[in-house]
Every structure is written in structure tokens, then in C-alpha cells.
Amino acid sequence: IPSTSASPHETSASSLEYRRKVNSRLAQSYANILSASATEELKTHLGHQWTDLARRLKLEDHQIEQIINENRSDLQGQIYSMIRCWQQGQAGQATIPELYGALKDCNRQDLLQKLQTIEGSA
């Protein structure tokens, strides 16, 4: 039975370019995803200052209030929900450098340095 897939020698230049673009976009998307260990670090060490960080990440007051109401007795749940709300609100455009900048603006260089170590970026 003949194969319907093209061999590497039969792949067109446009197909190769398309694959290169898709792989590049995937790599960029994964580079903007906060790792589970970095998320855990935020949940564990950010504390009540999460609302300041949320405002610097451009979450609106009604979103912050909703997060508080949905996680009234769970500070780590509030922080996790804030991260998710920020990422979802940015429609895939939330970036780790943006988070780092907001942490710096909140004078949380300690947490910024921990996240940079976890994520492997300086």
C-alpha cells in the first residue's frame, strides 16, 4: 500500500515554512506560561499583597472583589484565581516579563528573584 504522507524530500518549501511558524508560535506560547512550581511559589509567598499585584497586572476592582468573594477563607486560592484571571483576561498575551515587572513595581524583588530562578531567566 503506497504511503499518503510525503517523504522529507517531497515536502514543499511552503509546508516547511508553515511548520516553522507553527513551532515558533508554540514555543512563544509555552515561554509565556508560568510553570506550576512558579505558580506555587507565588501562592505560597505573595500573601495579601496579591491585590496590589493584581491591579498592576490591570485586573479591575470588580474582578478582585469577585476573586475575594469566591475564595473568602483561602488566601492561596485567591492568588491562584488572580493568576488565572490575569492570564485569561489577556487572551494568551499575558507574559512572564509583564508579571516580573509588576512584582518589581510591588517591591517584591525577593519573589521576582525566586521566580526567575525557577523559570530559568534572569
Protein backbone atom coordinates (compact mmCIF):
# COMPACT_ATOMS: atom_id res chain seq x y z
CA ILE A 1 0.00 0.00 0.00
CA PRO A 2 1.54 3.33 -1.01
CA SER A 3 2.03 5.92 1.71
CA THR A 4 -0.06 9.09 1.56
CA SER A 5 2.38 11.12 3.63
CA ALA A 6 5.11 13.00 1.87
CA SER A 7 8.67 11.97 2.47
CA PRO A 8 11.05 14.65 3.75
CA HIS A 9 12.33 15.02 0.20
CA GLU A 10 8.82 15.73 -1.13
CA THR A 11 7.87 18.41 1.41
CA SER A 12 7.29 21.79 -0.21
CA ALA A 13 9.04 24.94 0.89
CA SER A 14 5.71 26.49 1.87
CA SER A 15 4.89 23.48 4.04
CA LEU A 16 8.24 23.73 5.78
CA GLU A 17 7.72 27.47 6.35
CA TYR A 18 4.27 26.79 7.79
CA ARG A 19 5.69 24.18 10.19
CA ARG A 20 8.45 26.59 11.23
CA LYS A 21 5.89 29.31 12.01
CA VAL A 22 3.66 26.94 13.99
CA ASN A 23 6.61 25.65 16.01
CA SER A 24 7.77 29.21 16.67
CA ARG A 25 4.32 30.26 17.91
CA LEU A 26 4.07 27.20 20.13
CA ALA A 27 7.49 27.94 21.62
CA GLN A 28 6.43 31.55 22.30
CA SER A 29 3.19 30.38 23.95
CA TYR A 30 4.98 27.95 26.23
CA ALA A 31 7.54 30.63 27.12
CA ASN A 32 4.66 32.78 28.42
CA ILE A 33 3.13 30.06 30.59
CA LEU A 34 4.04 30.27 34.24
CA SER A 35 5.27 26.89 35.46
CA ALA A 36 3.44 25.02 38.19
CA SER A 37 6.37 25.47 40.56
CA ALA A 38 6.46 29.23 39.93
CA THR A 39 2.71 29.44 40.46
CA GLU A 40 3.12 27.53 43.72
CA GLU A 41 5.86 29.95 44.79
CA LEU A 42 3.51 32.89 44.18
CA LYS A 43 0.67 31.20 46.04
CA THR A 44 2.90 30.45 49.00
CA HIS A 45 4.82 33.72 49.35
CA LEU A 46 2.83 36.61 47.84
CA GLY A 47 0.37 36.94 50.71
CA HIS A 48 -2.20 39.72 50.96
CA GLN A 49 -0.15 41.88 48.61
CA TRP A 50 -1.75 39.93 45.76
CA THR A 51 -4.36 42.68 45.32
CA ASP A 52 -1.62 45.23 44.62
CA LEU A 53 -0.06 42.84 42.10
CA ALA A 54 -3.48 42.25 40.53
CA ARG A 55 -4.00 45.98 39.99
CA ARG A 56 -0.54 46.29 38.44
CA LEU A 57 -1.49 43.43 36.10
CA LYS A 58 -4.54 45.54 35.13
CA LEU A 59 -7.22 43.49 36.82
CA GLU A 60 -10.23 45.64 37.62
CA ASP A 61 -11.62 46.18 41.10
CA HIS A 62 -14.77 44.17 40.37
CA GLN A 63 -12.59 41.21 39.31
CA ILE A 64 -10.57 41.45 42.52
CA GLU A 65 -13.75 41.60 44.60
CA GLN A 66 -15.13 38.56 42.79
CA ILE A 67 -11.92 36.62 43.48
CA ILE A 68 -12.11 37.55 47.16
CA ASN A 69 -15.78 36.56 47.39
CA GLU A 70 -15.22 33.23 45.64
CA ASN A 71 -12.25 32.35 47.87
CA ARG A 72 -13.16 34.16 51.06
CA SER A 73 -11.18 32.00 53.51
CA ASP A 74 -8.50 30.76 51.11
CA LEU A 75 -5.65 33.21 50.50
CA GLN A 76 -3.75 30.82 48.24
CA GLY A 77 -6.96 30.22 46.28
CA GLN A 78 -7.33 33.98 45.83
CA ILE A 79 -3.79 34.23 44.48
CA TYR A 80 -4.28 31.28 42.13
CA SER A 81 -7.58 32.73 40.89
CA MET A 82 -5.90 36.10 40.33
CA ILE A 83 -3.19 34.48 38.20
CA ARG A 84 -5.78 32.59 36.15
CA CYS A 85 -7.96 35.70 35.74
CA TRP A 86 -4.95 37.70 34.54
CA GLN A 87 -3.89 35.01 32.07
CA GLN A 88 -7.41 34.50 30.73
CA GLY A 89 -8.11 38.22 30.55
CA GLN A 90 -5.04 38.76 28.43
CA ALA A 91 -6.27 36.18 25.88
CA GLY A 92 -2.93 34.46 25.58
CA GLN A 93 -0.97 37.71 25.73
CA ALA A 94 -0.06 37.54 29.43
CA THR A 95 3.70 37.34 29.63
CA ILE A 96 6.16 36.32 32.29
CA PRO A 97 8.14 39.58 31.79
CA GLU A 98 4.92 41.50 32.48
CA LEU A 99 4.50 39.58 35.72
CA TYR A 100 8.13 40.23 36.63
CA GLY A 101 7.67 43.95 36.02
CA ALA A 102 4.57 44.03 38.20
CA LEU A 103 6.39 42.20 41.00
CA LYS A 104 9.22 44.71 40.75
CA ASP A 105 6.71 47.58 40.93
CA CYS A 106 5.29 45.98 44.10
CA ASN A 107 8.79 45.96 45.61
CA ARG A 108 8.80 42.16 45.66
CA GLN A 109 12.30 41.62 44.30
CA ASP A 110 12.60 38.64 46.65
CA LEU A 111 9.76 36.85 44.91
CA LEU A 112 10.89 38.10 41.50
CA GLN A 113 14.32 36.54 42.03
CA LYS A 114 12.80 33.24 43.17
CA LEU A 115 10.57 33.08 40.09
CA GLN A 116 13.45 33.95 37.78
CA THR A 117 15.47 31.12 39.30
CA ILE A 118 12.56 28.68 38.90
CA GLU A 119 11.82 29.78 35.34
CA GLY A 120 15.50 29.90 34.41
CA SER A 121 15.57 33.52 33.25
CA ALA A 122 17.45 36.48 34.61
